[in-house]
Each structure stands twice: as C-alpha cells, then as structure tokens.
Amino acid sequence: MSLPPHSRDLSEYGSVLRRRRLVAAVCLLAGVGGGAAALALTPERYTAIAQVQVVPTGAQEQFNAPNSRQRETLNLDTESQIARSAVVATLAAAILKYPDPEELREHVTIDVPPNSAILSISYSASDPRAAAAGPRRTRRRICATAPAPPRTRSTAS
C-alpha cells in the first residue's frame, strides 16, 4: 500500500521563514547592500547611435548575390568589419583629431540589422556630450564622402 503524496501548505513555508528569520534578513541585507555597492561603483556610460544607409558605388559588379539572409548586393558584415579596422580607425582619429586610434575603436561598435542596408554606429563614453558627438561626427564624415542620391524633378501639367 502506498502513501498519498504529501502536499505542503503555504503556512508551512511561513513557519520555516519565521524560524529562520535571522538568516533570511542577513541574506536580504547582503543582497541589497551588494546591489547598492555595485550601483555606486559602476561608472556611468552613455551611448549614442547613428544609422547610415549604405548604397553601392562605382562599378556595379555583383560579388554577393542576394539570398534569403542578405537581400542587398553589398555584404554589410564585411563593411562593418572594414569600418572597425585599424586602418579606418587611424584615418578617423586623424580626421576627428582624436589622440588614440585604438581608444577610438574601443568606444565604437557597429551593428548590422538583418535584411537591411543600414549600419548602426554606436559610440559610448562616460560624458553625455562626448557620447552624442561621437556618432554625429562619424556620420558626417561618412555622409560627406558618400555620393548624393539622384534628384528627381516633377513638372506640373
């Protein structure tokens, strides 16, 4: 003959907590204190994001055929790796008058949303103004070298 499974009441859990209230209070205070210390010791970081649409320029050779993962003829994963390279960081640091190209690379991240022709350039800094200025200057440099989109003219009839 088997015994029925034992079910516990909520009152049983309450009685265990009452008996062990000192241990529960110490654990609660340690967790709150640790969280407050981590919050106080963690430096503030501000991140600003600029988004740039990438269009092919020059000869229209299709090195990358569009597929289900990538609808564009450009491989933006490669473009983001090139944008984060040491050569580009050195050129960008010279243009932006940034003292250290490697430090600039540490502040910049570039993301590629799936199925798009957009690069998201993020710049993180401890100062909100510096964080806001980072992608703005980078976007201006990228847009200054990109060709202008063709303009269409509408005529009234």
Protein backbone atom coordinates (compact mmCIF):
# COMPACT_ATOMS: atom_id res chain seq x y z
CA MET A 1 0.00 0.00 0.00
CA SER A 2 1.42 3.36 -0.98
CA LEU A 3 1.12 6.55 1.00
CA PRO A 4 -0.55 9.59 -0.59
CA PRO A 5 1.85 12.32 -1.73
CA HIS A 6 2.44 14.97 0.88
CA SER A 7 1.28 18.43 -0.05
CA ARG A 8 2.57 21.50 1.71
CA ASP A 9 0.52 24.43 2.85
CA LEU A 10 1.64 27.99 2.47
CA SER A 11 1.55 28.23 6.26
CA GLU A 12 4.34 25.63 6.46
CA TYR A 13 6.61 27.83 4.36
CA GLY A 14 5.74 30.80 6.55
CA SER A 15 6.68 28.87 9.68
CA VAL A 16 10.06 27.94 8.17
CA LEU A 17 10.72 31.62 7.38
CA ARG A 18 9.71 32.65 10.89
CA ARG A 19 12.11 30.13 12.40
CA ARG A 20 14.93 31.25 10.08
CA ARG A 21 14.15 34.97 10.02
CA LEU A 22 17.65 35.98 11.11
CA VAL A 23 19.25 34.10 8.19
CA ALA A 24 16.64 35.48 5.76
CA ALA A 25 17.21 39.06 7.00
CA VAL A 26 21.01 38.73 6.70
CA CYS A 27 20.69 37.37 3.15
CA LEU A 28 18.26 40.13 2.19
CA LEU A 29 20.50 42.86 3.61
CA ALA A 30 23.59 41.36 1.93
CA GLY A 31 21.82 41.31 -1.43
CA VAL A 32 20.55 44.89 -1.13
CA GLY A 33 23.94 46.11 0.11
CA GLY A 34 25.79 44.32 -2.69
CA GLY A 35 23.44 45.77 -5.29
CA ALA A 36 23.83 49.29 -3.88
CA ALA A 37 27.63 48.94 -3.85
CA ALA A 38 27.68 47.68 -7.44
CA LEU A 39 25.47 50.60 -8.50
CA ALA A 40 27.70 53.12 -6.73
CA LEU A 41 30.98 51.68 -8.07
CA THR A 42 29.92 51.12 -11.69
CA PRO A 43 30.92 54.08 -13.88
CA GLU A 44 28.21 55.78 -15.92
CA ARG A 45 28.22 55.04 -19.65
CA TYR A 46 26.27 56.94 -22.26
CA THR A 47 25.72 55.53 -25.73
CA ALA A 48 24.60 57.39 -28.84
CA ILE A 49 23.66 55.70 -32.11
CA ALA A 50 23.78 56.96 -35.68
CA GLN A 51 22.33 54.96 -38.55
CA VAL A 52 23.75 55.17 -42.06
CA GLN A 53 22.28 53.67 -45.21
CA VAL A 54 24.95 52.04 -47.34
CA VAL A 55 24.50 52.06 -51.10
CA PRO A 56 26.84 50.54 -53.68
CA THR A 57 29.08 52.98 -55.55
CA GLY A 58 31.37 52.62 -58.53
CA ALA A 59 31.17 49.63 -60.86
CA GLN A 60 28.05 47.58 -60.30
CA GLU A 61 29.66 44.17 -60.09
CA GLN A 62 27.66 41.68 -58.09
CA PHE A 63 30.12 39.90 -55.86
CA ASN A 64 27.36 38.90 -53.45
CA ALA A 65 24.19 37.54 -54.95
CA PRO A 66 21.11 38.41 -52.89
CA ASN A 67 19.73 35.46 -50.91
CA SER A 68 17.33 34.84 -48.01
CA ARG A 69 19.82 36.08 -45.39
CA GLN A 70 21.05 39.04 -47.37
CA ARG A 71 18.80 40.97 -49.74
CA GLU A 72 21.41 43.56 -50.68
CA THR A 73 24.25 43.11 -53.14
CA LEU A 74 26.59 44.59 -50.51
CA ASN A 75 27.84 42.43 -47.69
CA LEU A 76 27.29 44.72 -44.70
CA ASP A 77 29.03 42.32 -42.32
CA THR A 78 32.19 42.91 -44.31
CA GLU A 79 31.51 46.65 -44.43
CA SER A 80 31.17 46.77 -40.63
CA GLN A 81 34.44 44.86 -40.19
CA ILE A 82 36.19 47.28 -42.53
CA ALA A 83 34.73 50.24 -40.65
CA ARG A 84 36.12 48.83 -37.37
CA SER A 85 39.56 48.05 -38.81
CA ALA A 86 42.75 49.63 -37.52
CA VAL A 87 43.34 51.44 -40.82
CA VAL A 88 39.93 53.13 -40.74
CA ALA A 89 40.31 53.91 -37.02
CA THR A 90 43.64 55.61 -37.72
CA LEU A 91 42.15 57.68 -40.56
CA ALA A 92 39.08 58.57 -38.49
CA ALA A 93 41.23 59.55 -35.49
CA ALA A 94 43.28 61.85 -37.72
CA ILE A 95 40.16 63.48 -39.22
CA LEU A 96 38.40 63.81 -35.86
CA LYS A 97 41.61 64.90 -34.09
CA TYR A 98 41.25 62.03 -31.63
CA PRO A 99 44.55 61.29 -29.84
CA ASP A 100 44.49 57.46 -29.81
CA PRO A 101 43.00 55.34 -32.64
CA GLU A 102 42.86 52.18 -30.51
CA GLU A 103 40.90 54.00 -27.81
CA LEU A 104 38.52 55.24 -30.51
CA ARG A 105 37.98 51.65 -31.65
CA GLU A 106 37.12 50.66 -28.07
CA HIS A 107 34.38 53.29 -27.94
CA VAL A 108 32.80 52.45 -31.32
CA THR A 109 30.61 49.44 -32.11
CA ILE A 110 28.93 48.81 -35.45
CA ASP A 111 25.83 46.64 -35.78
CA VAL A 112 24.11 45.39 -38.90
CA PRO A 113 20.36 44.80 -38.59
CA PRO A 114 19.30 41.70 -40.55
CA ASN A 115 17.95 42.15 -44.09
CA SER A 116 18.81 45.84 -44.34
CA ALA A 117 21.27 48.23 -45.91
CA ILE A 118 21.78 50.11 -42.65
CA LEU A 119 24.86 50.31 -40.42
CA SER A 120 24.19 51.31 -36.81
CA ILE A 121 27.22 53.13 -35.41
CA SER A 122 27.26 53.31 -31.60
CA TYR A 123 29.66 55.42 -29.59
CA SER A 124 29.96 55.01 -25.81
CA ALA A 125 31.57 57.48 -23.42
CA SER A 126 31.38 58.49 -19.77
CA ASP A 127 30.27 62.02 -20.72
CA PRO A 128 26.85 62.51 -22.40
CA ARG A 129 28.10 65.29 -24.70
CA ALA A 130 31.07 63.24 -25.87
CA ALA A 131 28.79 60.26 -26.49
CA ALA A 132 26.39 62.39 -28.53
CA ALA A 133 29.19 63.98 -30.56
CA GLY A 134 30.86 60.68 -31.49
CA PRO A 135 28.36 59.19 -33.96
CA ARG A 136 27.31 62.63 -35.20
CA ARG A 137 30.88 63.38 -36.31
CA THR A 138 31.32 59.87 -37.70
CA ARG A 139 28.05 60.06 -39.63
CA ARG A 140 29.04 63.45 -41.07
CA ARG A 141 32.36 62.05 -42.26
CA ILE A 142 30.67 59.03 -43.86
CA CYS A 143 27.94 61.13 -45.48
CA ALA A 144 30.45 63.71 -46.71
CA THR A 145 32.28 61.04 -48.71
CA ALA A 146 29.14 59.28 -49.98
CA PRO A 147 27.66 60.29 -53.33
CA ALA A 148 24.47 62.32 -53.26
CA PRO A 149 21.28 60.46 -54.16
CA PRO A 150 19.86 61.30 -57.59
CA ARG A 151 17.27 64.08 -57.51
CA THR A 152 14.01 63.82 -59.35
CA ARG A 153 12.19 66.78 -60.75
CA SER A 154 8.46 66.88 -61.06
CA THR A 155 6.77 69.05 -63.61
CA ALA A 156 3.30 70.47 -63.19
CA SER A 157 0.89 69.85 -66.02
